[in-house]
PDB file of N, CA and C in Angstrom:
ATOM      1  N   UNK A   1      96.118  92.643 112.825  1.00  0.00           N
ATOM      2  CA  UNK A   1      95.799  91.239 112.938  1.00  0.00           C
ATOM      3  C   UNK A   1      94.446  90.920 112.299  1.00  0.00           C
ATOM      4  N   UNK A   2      93.502  91.839 112.456  1.00  0.00           N
ATOM      5  CA  UNK A   2      92.170  91.612 111.905  1.00  0.00           C
ATOM      6  C   UNK A   2      92.192  91.539 110.388  1.00  0.00           C
ATOM      7  N   UNK A   3      92.962  92.419 109.751  1.00  0.00           N
ATOM      8  CA  UNK A   3      93.063  92.387 108.293  1.00  0.00           C
ATOM      9  C   UNK A   3      93.558  91.024 107.826  1.00  0.00           C
ATOM     10  N   UNK A   4      94.606  90.523 108.450  1.00  0.00           N
ATOM     11  CA  UNK A   4      95.171  89.247 108.026  1.00  0.00           C
ATOM     12  C   UNK A   4      94.196  88.100 108.289  1.00  0.00           C
ATOM     13  N   UNK A   5      93.479  88.167 109.395  1.00  0.00           N
ATOM     14  CA  UNK A   5      92.480  87.141 109.695  1.00  0.00           C
ATOM     15  C   UNK A   5      91.395  87.145 108.617  1.00  0.00           C
ATOM     16  N   UNK A   6      90.883  88.329 108.307  1.00  0.00           N
ATOM     17  CA  UNK A   6      89.850  88.441 107.281  1.00  0.00           C
ATOM     18  C   UNK A   6      90.377  88.008 105.913  1.00  0.00           C
ATOM     19  N   UNK A   7      91.584  88.437 105.585  1.00  0.00           N
ATOM     20  CA  UNK A   7      92.170  88.101 104.295  1.00  0.00           C
ATOM     21  C   UNK A   7      92.279  86.587 104.130  1.00  0.00           C
ATOM     22  N   UNK A   8      92.712  85.898 105.158  1.00  0.00           N
ATOM     23  CA  UNK A   8      92.882  84.448 105.026  1.00  0.00           C
ATOM     24  C   UNK A   8      91.545  83.720 104.919  1.00  0.00           C
ATOM     25  N   UNK A   9      90.476  84.343 105.421  1.00  0.00           N
ATOM     26  CA  UNK A   9      89.148  83.725 105.313  1.00  0.00           C
ATOM     27  C   UNK A   9      88.481  84.001 103.974  1.00  0.00           C
ATOM     28  N   UNK A  10      89.000  84.970 103.210  1.00  0.00           N
ATOM     29  CA  UNK A  10      88.382  85.367 101.943  1.00  0.00           C
ATOM     30  C   UNK A  10      89.341  85.107 100.785  1.00  0.00           C
ATOM     31  N   UNK A  11      89.704  83.862 100.613  1.00  0.00           N
ATOM     32  CA  UNK A  11      90.556  83.471  99.501  1.00  0.00           C
ATOM     33  C   UNK A  11      89.742  82.618  98.541  1.00  0.00           C
ATOM     34  N   UNK A  12      90.098  82.683  97.276  1.00  0.00           N
ATOM     35  CA  UNK A  12      89.483  81.812  96.272  1.00  0.00           C
ATOM     36  C   UNK A  12      90.160  80.445  96.408  1.00  0.00           C
ATOM     37  N   UNK A  13      89.624  79.603  97.284  1.00  0.00           N
ATOM     38  CA  UNK A  13      90.286  78.338  97.609  1.00  0.00           C
ATOM     39  C   UNK A  13      90.457  77.433  96.398  1.00  0.00           C
ATOM     40  N   UNK A  14      89.579  77.560  95.429  1.00  0.00           N
ATOM     41  CA  UNK A  14      89.698  76.718  94.228  1.00  0.00           C
ATOM     42  C   UNK A  14      90.927  77.079  93.395  1.00  0.00           C
ATOM     43  N   UNK A  15      91.504  78.256  93.630  1.00  0.00           N
ATOM     44  CA  UNK A  15      92.686  78.696  92.886  1.00  0.00           C
ATOM     45  C   UNK A  15      93.991  78.473  93.656  1.00  0.00           C
ATOM     46  N   UNK A  16      93.889  78.057  94.910  1.00  0.00           N
ATOM     47  CA  UNK A  16      95.080  77.851  95.728  1.00  0.00           C
ATOM     48  C   UNK A  16      95.814  76.579  95.310  1.00  0.00           C
ATOM     49  N   UNK A  17      97.116  76.532  95.529  1.00  0.00           N
ATOM     50  CA  UNK A  17      97.868  75.313  95.226  1.00  0.00           C
ATOM     51  C   UNK A  17      97.350  74.134  96.063  1.00  0.00           C
ATOM     52  N   UNK A  18      97.442  72.950  95.499  1.00  0.00           N
ATOM     53  CA  UNK A  18      97.016  71.761  96.229  1.00  0.00           C
ATOM     54  C   UNK A  18      98.073  71.313  97.227  1.00  0.00           C
ATOM     55  N   UNK A  19      99.343  71.539  96.909  1.00  0.00           N
ATOM     56  CA  UNK A  19     100.418  71.141  97.822  1.00  0.00           C
ATOM     57  C   UNK A  19     100.663  72.254  98.832  1.00  0.00           C
ATOM     58  N   UNK A  20     101.316  71.889  99.954  1.00  0.00           N
ATOM     59  CA  UNK A  20     101.570  72.897 100.979  1.00  0.00           C
ATOM     60  C   UNK A  20     102.374  74.050 100.395  1.00  0.00           C
ATOM     61  N   UNK A  21     101.871  75.251 100.629  1.00  0.00           N
ATOM     62  CA  UNK A  21     102.510  76.480 100.180  1.00  0.00           C
ATOM     63  C   UNK A  21     102.480  77.451 101.347  1.00  0.00           C
ATOM     64  N   UNK A  22     103.628  78.039 101.636  1.00  0.00           N
ATOM     65  CA  UNK A  22     103.735  78.982 102.746  1.00  0.00           C
ATOM     66  C   UNK A  22     104.017  80.371 102.177  1.00  0.00           C
ATOM     67  N   UNK A  23     103.173  81.314 102.555  1.00  0.00           N
ATOM     68  CA  UNK A  23     103.317  82.698 102.118  1.00  0.00           C
ATOM     69  C   UNK A  23     103.621  83.541 103.355  1.00  0.00           C
ATOM     70  N   UNK A  24     104.728  84.267 103.305  1.00  0.00           N
ATOM     71  CA  UNK A  24     105.081  85.147 104.421  1.00  0.00           C
ATOM     72  C   UNK A  24     104.732  86.577 104.030  1.00  0.00           C
ATOM     73  N   UNK A  25     103.956  87.234 104.872  1.00  0.00           N
ATOM     74  CA  UNK A  25     103.590  88.636 104.685  1.00  0.00           C
ATOM     75  C   UNK A  25     104.450  89.468 105.621  1.00  0.00           C
ATOM     76  N   UNK A  26     105.228  90.365 105.062  1.00  0.00           N
ATOM     77  CA  UNK A  26     105.995  91.327 105.853  1.00  0.00           C
ATOM     78  C   UNK A  26     105.354  92.693 105.636  1.00  0.00           C
ATOM     79  N   UNK A  27     104.670  93.170 106.676  1.00  0.00           N
ATOM     80  CA  UNK A  27     103.976  94.451 106.588  1.00  0.00           C
ATOM     81  C   UNK A  27     104.842  95.540 107.186  1.00  0.00           C
ATOM     82  N   UNK A  28     104.778  96.703 106.556  1.00  0.00           N
ATOM     83  CA  UNK A  28     105.551  97.852 107.032  1.00  0.00           C
ATOM     84  C   UNK A  28     104.641  99.076 107.025  1.00  0.00           C
ATOM     85  N   UNK A  29     105.055 100.094 107.734  1.00  0.00           N
ATOM     86  CA  UNK A  29     104.250 101.310 107.824  1.00  0.00           C
ATOM     87  C   UNK A  29     103.744 101.470 109.240  1.00  0.00           C
ATOM     88  N   UNK A  30     102.476 101.832 109.371  1.00  0.00           N
ATOM     89  CA  UNK A  30     101.910 102.049 110.698  1.00  0.00           C
ATOM     90  C   UNK A  30     101.830 100.759 111.504  1.00  0.00           C
ATOM     91  N   UNK A  31     101.858  99.643 110.829  1.00  0.00           N
ATOM     92  CA  UNK A  31     101.782  98.334 111.485  1.00  0.00           C
ATOM     93  C   UNK A  31     102.894  97.477 110.889  1.00  0.00           C
ATOM     94  N   UNK A  32     103.979  97.275 111.616  1.00  0.00           N
ATOM     95  CA  UNK A  32     105.110  96.505 111.118  1.00  0.00           C
ATOM     96  C   UNK A  32     105.105  95.148 111.810  1.00  0.00           C
ATOM     97  N   UNK A  33     104.884  94.108 111.001  1.00  0.00           N
ATOM     98  CA  UNK A  33     104.789  92.766 111.562  1.00  0.00           C
ATOM     99  C   UNK A  33     104.832  91.754 110.430  1.00  0.00           C
ATOM    100  N   UNK A  34     105.165  90.511 110.767  1.00  0.00           N
ATOM    101  CA  UNK A  34     105.145  89.415 109.795  1.00  0.00           C
ATOM    102  C   UNK A  34     104.070  88.409 110.171  1.00  0.00           C
ATOM    103  N   UNK A  35     103.470  87.831 109.135  1.00  0.00           N
ATOM    104  CA  UNK A  35     102.444  86.795 109.281  1.00  0.00           C
ATOM    105  C   UNK A  35     102.753  85.710 108.264  1.00  0.00           C
ATOM    106  N   UNK A  36     102.292  84.513 108.535  1.00  0.00           N
ATOM    107  CA  UNK A  36     102.485  83.403 107.613  1.00  0.00           C
ATOM    108  C   UNK A  36     101.134  82.812 107.271  1.00  0.00           C
ATOM    109  N   UNK A  37     100.908  82.634 105.974  1.00  0.00           N
ATOM    110  CA  UNK A  37      99.717  81.962 105.478  1.00  0.00           C
ATOM    111  C   UNK A  37     100.168  80.578 105.030  1.00  0.00           C
ATOM    112  N   UNK A  38      99.579  79.554 105.618  1.00  0.00           N
ATOM    113  CA  UNK A  38      99.933  78.179 105.267  1.00  0.00           C
ATOM    114  C   UNK A  38      98.748  77.571 104.521  1.00  0.00           C
ATOM    115  N   UNK A  39      99.003  77.171 103.280  1.00  0.00           N
ATOM    116  CA  UNK A  39      97.990  76.548 102.440  1.00  0.00           C
ATOM    117  C   UNK A  39      98.323  75.059 102.358  1.00  0.00           C
ATOM    118  N   UNK A  40      97.393  74.222 102.766  1.00  0.00           N
ATOM    119  CA  UNK A  40      97.569  72.773 102.658  1.00  0.00           C
ATOM    120  C   UNK A  40      96.272  72.185 102.134  1.00  0.00           C
ATOM    121  N   UNK A  41      96.361  71.504 100.985  1.00  0.00           N
ATOM    122  CA  UNK A  41      95.191  70.907 100.343  1.00  0.00           C
ATOM    123  C   UNK A  41      94.056  71.913 100.225  1.00  0.00           C
ATOM    124  N   UNK A  42      94.443  73.118  99.835  1.00  0.00           N
ATOM    125  CA  UNK A  42      93.519  74.234  99.615  1.00  0.00           C
ATOM    126  C   UNK A  42      92.780  74.689 100.869  1.00  0.00           C
ATOM    127  N   UNK A  43      93.257  74.288 102.018  1.00  0.00           N
ATOM    128  CA  UNK A  43      92.782  74.799 103.309  1.00  0.00           C
ATOM    129  C   UNK A  43      93.841  75.779 103.786  1.00  0.00           C
ATOM    130  N   UNK A  44      93.430  76.844 104.456  1.00  0.00           N
ATOM    131  CA  UNK A  44      94.399  77.862 104.868  1.00  0.00           C
ATOM    132  C   UNK A  44      94.403  78.072 106.374  1.00  0.00           C
ATOM    133  N   UNK A  45      95.574  78.404 106.864  1.00  0.00           N
ATOM    134  CA  UNK A  45      95.754  78.794 108.256  1.00  0.00           C
ATOM    135  C   UNK A  45      96.597  80.057 108.261  1.00  0.00           C
ATOM    136  N   UNK A  46      96.304  80.956 109.182  1.00  0.00           N
ATOM    137  CA  UNK A  46      97.139  82.143 109.362  1.00  0.00           C
ATOM    138  C   UNK A  46      97.913  81.945 110.657  1.00  0.00           C
ATOM    139  N   UNK A  47      99.194  82.221 110.596  1.00  0.00           N
ATOM    140  CA  UNK A  47     100.049  82.037 111.772  1.00  0.00           C
ATOM    141  C   UNK A  47     100.637  83.381 112.177  1.00  0.00           C
ATOM    142  N   UNK A  48     100.591  83.661 113.476  1.00  0.00           N
ATOM    143  CA  UNK A  48     101.130  84.911 113.998  1.00  0.00           C
ATOM    144  C   UNK A  48     102.623  84.790 114.248  1.00  0.00           C
ATOM    145  N   UNK A  49     103.138  83.559 114.242  1.00  0.00           N
ATOM    146  CA  UNK A  49     104.568  83.299 114.401  1.00  0.00           C
ATOM    147  C   UNK A  49     105.020  82.316 113.335  1.00  0.00           C
ATOM    148  N   UNK A  50     106.308  82.201 113.138  1.00  0.00           N
ATOM    149  CA  UNK A  50     106.884  81.326 112.123  1.00  0.00           C
ATOM    150  C   UNK A  50     106.449  79.884 112.371  1.00  0.00           C
ATOM    151  N   UNK A  51     105.756  79.256 111.406  1.00  0.00           N
ATOM    152  CA  UNK A  51     105.284  77.885 111.603  1.00  0.00           C
ATOM    153  C   UNK A  51     106.385  76.837 111.425  1.00  0.00           C
ATOM    154  N   UNK A  52     107.567  77.263 110.983  1.00  0.00           N
ATOM    155  CA  UNK A  52     108.682  76.336 110.849  1.00  0.00           C
ATOM    156  C   UNK A  52     108.803  75.670 109.492  1.00  0.00           C
ATOM    157  N   UNK A  53     107.982  76.068 108.530  1.00  0.00           N
ATOM    158  CA  UNK A  53     108.062  75.526 107.179  1.00  0.00           C
ATOM    159  C   UNK A  53     108.855  76.477 106.290  1.00  0.00           C
ATOM    160  N   UNK A  54     109.434  75.943 105.234  1.00  0.00           N
ATOM    161  CA  UNK A  54     110.125  76.786 104.254  1.00  0.00           C
ATOM    162  C   UNK A  54     109.112  77.710 103.587  1.00  0.00           C
ATOM    163  N   UNK A  55     109.482  78.971 103.432  1.00  0.00           N
ATOM    164  CA  UNK A  55     108.603  79.952 102.806  1.00  0.00           C
ATOM    165  C   UNK A  55     108.712  79.829 101.290  1.00  0.00           C
ATOM    166  N   UNK A  56     107.556  79.764 100.626  1.00  0.00           N
ATOM    167  CA  UNK A  56     107.508  79.647  99.166  1.00  0.00           C
ATOM    168  C   UNK A  56     107.338  80.992  98.480  1.00  0.00           C
ATOM    169  N   UNK A  57     106.626  81.908  99.108  1.00  0.00           N
ATOM    170  CA  UNK A  57     106.345  83.210  98.508  1.00  0.00           C
ATOM    171  C   UNK A  57     106.397  84.273  99.590  1.00  0.00           C
ATOM    172  N   UNK A  58     107.099  85.362  99.297  1.00  0.00           N
ATOM    173  CA  UNK A  58     107.188  86.500 100.214  1.00  0.00           C
ATOM    174  C   UNK A  58     106.334  87.633  99.664  1.00  0.00           C
ATOM    175  N   UNK A  59     105.530  88.230 100.537  1.00  0.00           N
ATOM    176  CA  UNK A  59     104.724  89.392 100.200  1.00  0.00           C
ATOM    177  C   UNK A  59     105.175  90.511 101.127  1.00  0.00           C
ATOM    178  N   UNK A  60     105.738  91.555 100.565  1.00  0.00           N
ATOM    179  CA  UNK A  60     106.147  92.719 101.328  1.00  0.00           C
ATOM    180  C   UNK A  60     105.194  93.839 100.949  1.00  0.00           C
ATOM    181  N   UNK A  61     104.552  94.421 101.952  1.00  0.00           N
ATOM    182  CA  UNK A  61     103.508  95.397 101.641  1.00  0.00           C
ATOM    183  C   UNK A  61     103.459  96.519 102.655  1.00  0.00           C
ATOM    184  N   UNK A  62     103.165  97.689 102.144  1.00  0.00           N
ATOM    185  CA  UNK A  62     102.806  98.817 102.977  1.00  0.00           C
ATOM    186  C   UNK A  62     101.423  98.513 103.553  1.00  0.00           C
ATOM    187  N   UNK A  63     101.261  98.661 104.857  1.00  0.00           N
ATOM    188  CA  UNK A  63     100.010  98.302 105.518  1.00  0.00           C
ATOM    189  C   UNK A  63      98.817  99.052 104.931  1.00  0.00           C
ATOM    190  N   UNK A  64      98.972 100.347 104.729  1.00  0.00           N
ATOM    191  CA  UNK A  64      97.873 101.141 104.187  1.00  0.00           C
ATOM    192  C   UNK A  64      97.488 100.665 102.791  1.00  0.00           C
ATOM    193  N   UNK A  65      98.470 100.346 101.974  1.00  0.00           N
ATOM    194  CA  UNK A  65      98.185  99.861 100.622  1.00  0.00           C
ATOM    195  C   UNK A  65      97.439  98.540 100.665  1.00  0.00           C
ATOM    196  N   UNK A  66      97.875  97.626 101.526  1.00  0.00           N
ATOM    197  CA  UNK A  66      97.184  96.333 101.626  1.00  0.00           C
ATOM    198  C   UNK A  66      95.735  96.540 102.046  1.00  0.00           C
ATOM    199  N   UNK A  67      95.488  97.474 102.957  1.00  0.00           N
ATOM    200  CA  UNK A  67      94.106  97.800 103.333  1.00  0.00           C
ATOM    201  C   UNK A  67      93.332  98.351 102.137  1.00  0.00           C
ATOM    202  N   UNK A  68      93.960  99.230 101.376  1.00  0.00           N
ATOM    203  CA  UNK A  68      93.270  99.812 100.205  1.00  0.00           C
ATOM    204  C   UNK A  68      92.919  98.743  99.183  1.00  0.00           C
ATOM    205  N   UNK A  69      93.844  97.834  98.946  1.00  0.00           N
ATOM    206  CA  UNK A  69      93.568  96.741  98.001  1.00  0.00           C
ATOM    207  C   UNK A  69      92.437  95.876  98.539  1.00  0.00           C
ATOM    208  N   UNK A  70      92.522  95.509  99.800  1.00  0.00           N
ATOM    209  CA  UNK A  70      91.512  94.660 100.441  1.00  0.00           C
ATOM    210  C   UNK A  70      90.121  95.277 100.364  1.00  0.00           C
ATOM    211  N   UNK A  71      90.050  96.599 100.495  1.00  0.00           N
ATOM    212  CA  UNK A  71      88.759  97.293 100.462  1.00  0.00           C
ATOM    213  C   UNK A  71      88.327  97.683  99.050  1.00  0.00           C
ATOM    214  N   UNK A  72      89.118  97.321  98.049  1.00  0.00           N
ATOM    215  CA  UNK A  72      88.753  97.615  96.666  1.00  0.00           C
ATOM    216  C   UNK A  72      88.984  99.057  96.259  1.00  0.00           C
ATOM    217  N   UNK A  73      89.774  99.797  97.022  1.00  0.00           N
ATOM    218  CA  UNK A  73      90.048 101.214  96.722  1.00  0.00           C
ATOM    219  C   UNK A  73      91.260 101.382  95.819  1.00  0.00           C
ATOM    220  N   UNK A  74      92.068 100.325  95.685  1.00  0.00           N
ATOM    221  CA  UNK A  74      93.244 100.344  94.819  1.00  0.00           C
ATOM    222  C   UNK A  74      93.389  98.941  94.251  1.00  0.00           C
ATOM    223  N   UNK A  75      93.756  98.838  92.993  1.00  0.00           N
ATOM    224  CA  UNK A  75      93.909  97.514  92.404  1.00  0.00           C
ATOM    225  C   UNK A  75      95.245  96.902  92.821  1.00  0.00           C
ATOM    226  N   UNK A  76      95.263  95.591  92.878  1.00  0.00           N
ATOM    227  CA  UNK A  76      96.510  94.886  93.178  1.00  0.00           C
ATOM    228  C   UNK A  76      97.546  95.200  92.104  1.00  0.00           C
ATOM    229  N   UNK A  77      97.122  95.252  90.853  1.00  0.00           N
ATOM    230  CA  UNK A  77      98.065  95.547  89.767  1.00  0.00           C
ATOM    231  C   UNK A  77      98.717  96.911  89.949  1.00  0.00           C
ATOM    232  N   UNK A  78      97.942  97.918  90.355  1.00  0.00           N
ATOM    233  CA  UNK A  78      98.500  99.245  90.591  1.00  0.00           C
ATOM    234  C   UNK A  78      99.493  99.217  91.751  1.00  0.00           C
ATOM    235  N   UNK A  79      99.132  98.535  92.833  1.00  0.00           N
ATOM    236  CA  UNK A  79     100.025  98.442  93.997  1.00  0.00           C
ATOM    237  C   UNK A  79     101.326  97.723  93.631  1.00  0.00           C
ATOM    238  N   UNK A  80     101.232  96.692  92.815  1.00  0.00           N
ATOM    239  CA  UNK A  80     102.435  95.976  92.377  1.00  0.00           C
ATOM    240  C   UNK A  80     103.279  96.852  91.461  1.00  0.00           C
ATOM    241  N   UNK A  81     102.632  97.524  90.525  1.00  0.00           N
ATOM    242  CA  UNK A  81     103.350  98.385  89.585  1.00  0.00           C
ATOM    243  C   UNK A  81     104.088  99.509  90.322  1.00  0.00           C
ATOM    244  N   UNK A  82     103.473 100.052  91.352  1.00  0.00           N
ATOM    245  CA  UNK A  82     104.076 101.146  92.127  1.00  0.00           C
ATOM    246  C   UNK A  82     105.016 100.629  93.227  1.00  0.00           C
ATOM    247  N   UNK A  83     105.180  99.309  93.297  1.00  0.00           N
ATOM    248  CA  UNK A  83     106.051  98.644  94.262  1.00  0.00           C
ATOM    249  C   UNK A  83     105.669  98.928  95.708  1.00  0.00           C
ATOM    250  N   UNK A  84     104.375  99.157  95.935  1.00  0.00           N
ATOM    251  CA  UNK A  84     103.854  99.298  97.297  1.00  0.00           C
ATOM    252  C   UNK A  84     103.574  97.918  97.889  1.00  0.00           C
ATOM    253  N   UNK A  85     103.358  96.958  97.007  1.00  0.00           N
ATOM    254  CA  UNK A  85     103.307  95.539  97.354  1.00  0.00           C
ATOM    255  C   UNK A  85     104.303  94.851  96.445  1.00  0.00           C
ATOM    256  N   UNK A  86     105.177  94.038  97.034  1.00  0.00           N
ATOM    257  CA  UNK A  86     106.189  93.324  96.262  1.00  0.00           C
ATOM    258  C   UNK A  86     106.063  91.838  96.547  1.00  0.00           C
ATOM    259  N   UNK A  87     106.196  91.038  95.494  1.00  0.00           N
ATOM    260  CA  UNK A  87     106.113  89.587  95.597  1.00  0.00           C
ATOM    261  C   UNK A  87     107.454  88.999  95.196  1.00  0.00           C
ATOM    262  N   UNK A  88     107.912  88.003  95.962  1.00  0.00           N
ATOM    263  CA  UNK A  88     109.184  87.360  95.668  1.00  0.00           C
ATOM    264  C   UNK A  88     109.031  85.861  95.872  1.00  0.00           C
ATOM    265  N   UNK A  89     109.283  85.134  94.811  1.00  0.00           N
ATOM    266  CA  UNK A  89     109.177  83.683  94.863  1.00  0.00           C
ATOM    267  C   UNK A  89     109.138  83.130  93.465  1.00  0.00           C
ATOM    268  N   UNK A  90     108.822  81.851  93.328  1.00  0.00           N
ATOM    269  CA  UNK A  90     108.733  81.238  92.007  1.00  0.00           C
ATOM    270  C   UNK A  90     107.713  81.973  91.128  1.00  0.00           C
ATOM    271  N   UNK A  91     108.048  82.090  89.876  1.00  0.00           N
ATOM    272  CA  UNK A  91     107.219  82.841  88.918  1.00  0.00           C
ATOM    273  C   UNK A  91     105.755  82.428  88.949  1.00  0.00           C
ATOM    274  N   UNK A  92     105.491  81.114  89.024  1.00  0.00           N
ATOM    275  CA  UNK A  92     104.090  80.656  88.986  1.00  0.00           C
ATOM    276  C   UNK A  92     103.314  81.110  90.218  1.00  0.00           C
ATOM    277  N   UNK A  93     103.970  81.198  91.376  1.00  0.00           N
ATOM    278  CA  UNK A  93     103.281  81.688  92.570  1.00  0.00           C
ATOM    279  C   UNK A  93     103.093  83.199  92.522  1.00  0.00           C
ATOM    280  N   UNK A  94     104.107  83.913  92.033  1.00  0.00           N
ATOM    281  CA  UNK A  94     104.004  85.373  91.903  1.00  0.00           C
ATOM    282  C   UNK A  94     102.854  85.730  90.963  1.00  0.00           C
ATOM    283  N   UNK A  95     102.738  85.019  89.872  1.00  0.00           N
ATOM    284  CA  UNK A  95     101.644  85.282  88.917  1.00  0.00           C
ATOM    285  C   UNK A  95     100.285  84.930  89.494  1.00  0.00           C
ATOM    286  N   UNK A  96     100.228  83.833  90.249  1.00  0.00           N
ATOM    287  CA  UNK A  96      98.941  83.337  90.748  1.00  0.00           C
ATOM    288  C   UNK A  96      98.430  84.109  91.960  1.00  0.00           C
ATOM    289  N   UNK A  97      99.330  84.617  92.787  1.00  0.00           N
ATOM    290  CA  UNK A  97      98.931  85.209  94.060  1.00  0.00           C
ATOM    291  C   UNK A  97      97.797  86.240  93.961  1.00  0.00           C
ATOM    292  N   UNK A  98      97.856  87.224  93.055  1.00  0.00           N
ATOM    293  CA  UNK A  98      96.756  88.207  93.021  1.00  0.00           C
ATOM    294  C   UNK A  98      95.376  87.572  92.802  1.00  0.00           C
ATOM    295  N   UNK A  99      95.315  86.458  92.089  1.00  0.00           N
ATOM    296  CA  UNK A  99      94.022  85.820  91.829  1.00  0.00           C
ATOM    297  C   UNK A  99      93.477  85.088  93.051  1.00  0.00           C
ATOM    298  N   UNK A 100      94.322  84.815  94.036  1.00  0.00           N
ATOM    299  CA  UNK A 100      93.863  84.110  95.237  1.00  0.00           C
ATOM    300  C   UNK A 100      93.006  84.995  96.121  1.00  0.00           C
ATOM    301  N   UNK A 101      93.223  86.300  96.080  1.00  0.00           N
ATOM    302  CA  UNK A 101      92.566  87.212  97.021  1.00  0.00           C
ATOM    303  C   UNK A 101      91.160  87.589  96.575  1.00  0.00           C
ATOM    304  N   UNK A 102      90.221  87.306  97.428  1.00  0.00           N
ATOM    305  CA  UNK A 102      88.867  87.835  97.255  1.00  0.00           C
ATOM    306  C   UNK A 102      88.832  89.101  98.103  1.00  0.00           C
ATOM    307  N   UNK A 103      88.207  90.126  97.622  1.00  0.00           N
ATOM    308  CA  UNK A 103      88.179  91.374  98.372  1.00  0.00           C
ATOM    309  C   UNK A 103      87.226  91.278  99.553  1.00  0.00           C
ATOM    310  N   UNK A 104      87.310  92.254 100.417  1.00  0.00           N
ATOM    311  CA  UNK A 104      86.402  92.361 101.548  1.00  0.00           C
ATOM    312  C   UNK A 104      84.961  92.389 101.049  1.00  0.00           C
ATOM    313  N   UNK A 105      84.041  91.894 101.864  1.00  0.00           N
ATOM    314  CA  UNK A 105      82.630  91.941 101.476  1.00  0.00           C
ATOM    315  C   UNK A 105      82.129  93.377 101.397  1.00  0.00           C
ATOM    316  N   UNK A 106      82.881  94.311 101.957  1.00  0.00           N
ATOM    317  CA  UNK A 106      82.509  95.727 101.923  1.00  0.00           C
ATOM    318  C   UNK A 106      83.173  96.480 100.773  1.00  0.00           C
ATOM    319  N   UNK A 107      83.939  95.781  99.945  1.00  0.00           N
ATOM    320  CA  UNK A 107      84.719  96.448  98.897  1.00  0.00           C
ATOM    321  C   UNK A 107      83.849  97.200  97.895  1.00  0.00           C
ATOM    322  N   UNK A 108      82.658  96.752  97.641  1.00  0.00           N
ATOM    323  CA  UNK A 108      81.805  97.414  96.664  1.00  0.00           C
ATOM    324  C   UNK A 108      81.037  98.604  97.198  1.00  0.00           C
ATOM    325  N   UNK A 109      81.162  98.880  98.470  1.00  0.00           N
ATOM    326  CA  UNK A 109      80.421  99.978  99.093  1.00  0.00           C
ATOM    327  C   UNK A 109      81.259 101.246  99.044  1.00  0.00           C
ATOM    328  N   UNK A 110      80.659 102.306  98.550  1.00  0.00           N
ATOM    329  CA  UNK A 110      81.366 103.589  98.482  1.00  0.00           C
ATOM    330  C   UNK A 110      81.625 104.112  99.887  1.00  0.00           C
ATOM    331  N   UNK A 111      82.787 104.711 100.100  1.00  0.00           N
ATOM    332  CA  UNK A 111      83.071 105.275 101.434  1.00  0.00           C
ATOM    333  C   UNK A 111      82.132 106.450 101.728  1.00  0.00           C
ATOM    334  N   UNK A 112      81.857 106.656 103.001  1.00  0.00           N
ATOM    335  CA  UNK A 112      81.010 107.772 103.421  1.00  0.00           C
ATOM    336  C   UNK A 112      81.723 109.099 103.132  1.00  0.00           C
ATOM    337  N   UNK A 113      80.959 110.073 102.760  1.00  0.00           N
ATOM    338  CA  UNK A 113      81.541 111.408 102.532  1.00  0.00           C
ATOM    339  C   UNK A 113      81.766 112.080 103.875  1.00  0.00           C
ATOM    340  N   UNK A 114      82.857 112.783 103.956  1.00  0.00           N
ATOM    341  CA  UNK A 114      83.136 113.541 105.181  1.00  0.00           C
ATOM    342  C   UNK A 114      83.337 114.997 104.788  1.00  0.00           C
ATOM    343  N   UNK A 115      82.245 115.738 104.800  1.00  0.00           N
ATOM    344  CA  UNK A 115      82.286 117.154 104.405  1.00  0.00           C
ATOM    345  C   UNK A 115      82.598 118.040 105.564  1.00  0.00           C
TER     346      UNK A 115
END
């Protein structure tokens, strides 16, 4: 839940659609759950349950991969190419989605060594 909360707070709002757009995240792996991101007039809300709107874009992701992308340890392009994250929806939303995500504020920090 924390990842999705943080992710929705760190979006490039200037790149989001102006009209209402609903993105459904289906996470699998160690954490299997669905979340909905509702974009309205470039304002975002994260919903823990179905908000009742038609879904415009589906994001299916391995939880660990989404964390790696969020932390800057793996590129979105690599995750998409390896089909660890899959996008399904209109072409313009599929193309635009990766640009909406701003990484975690900790993404530029190297992980601690564990010797």
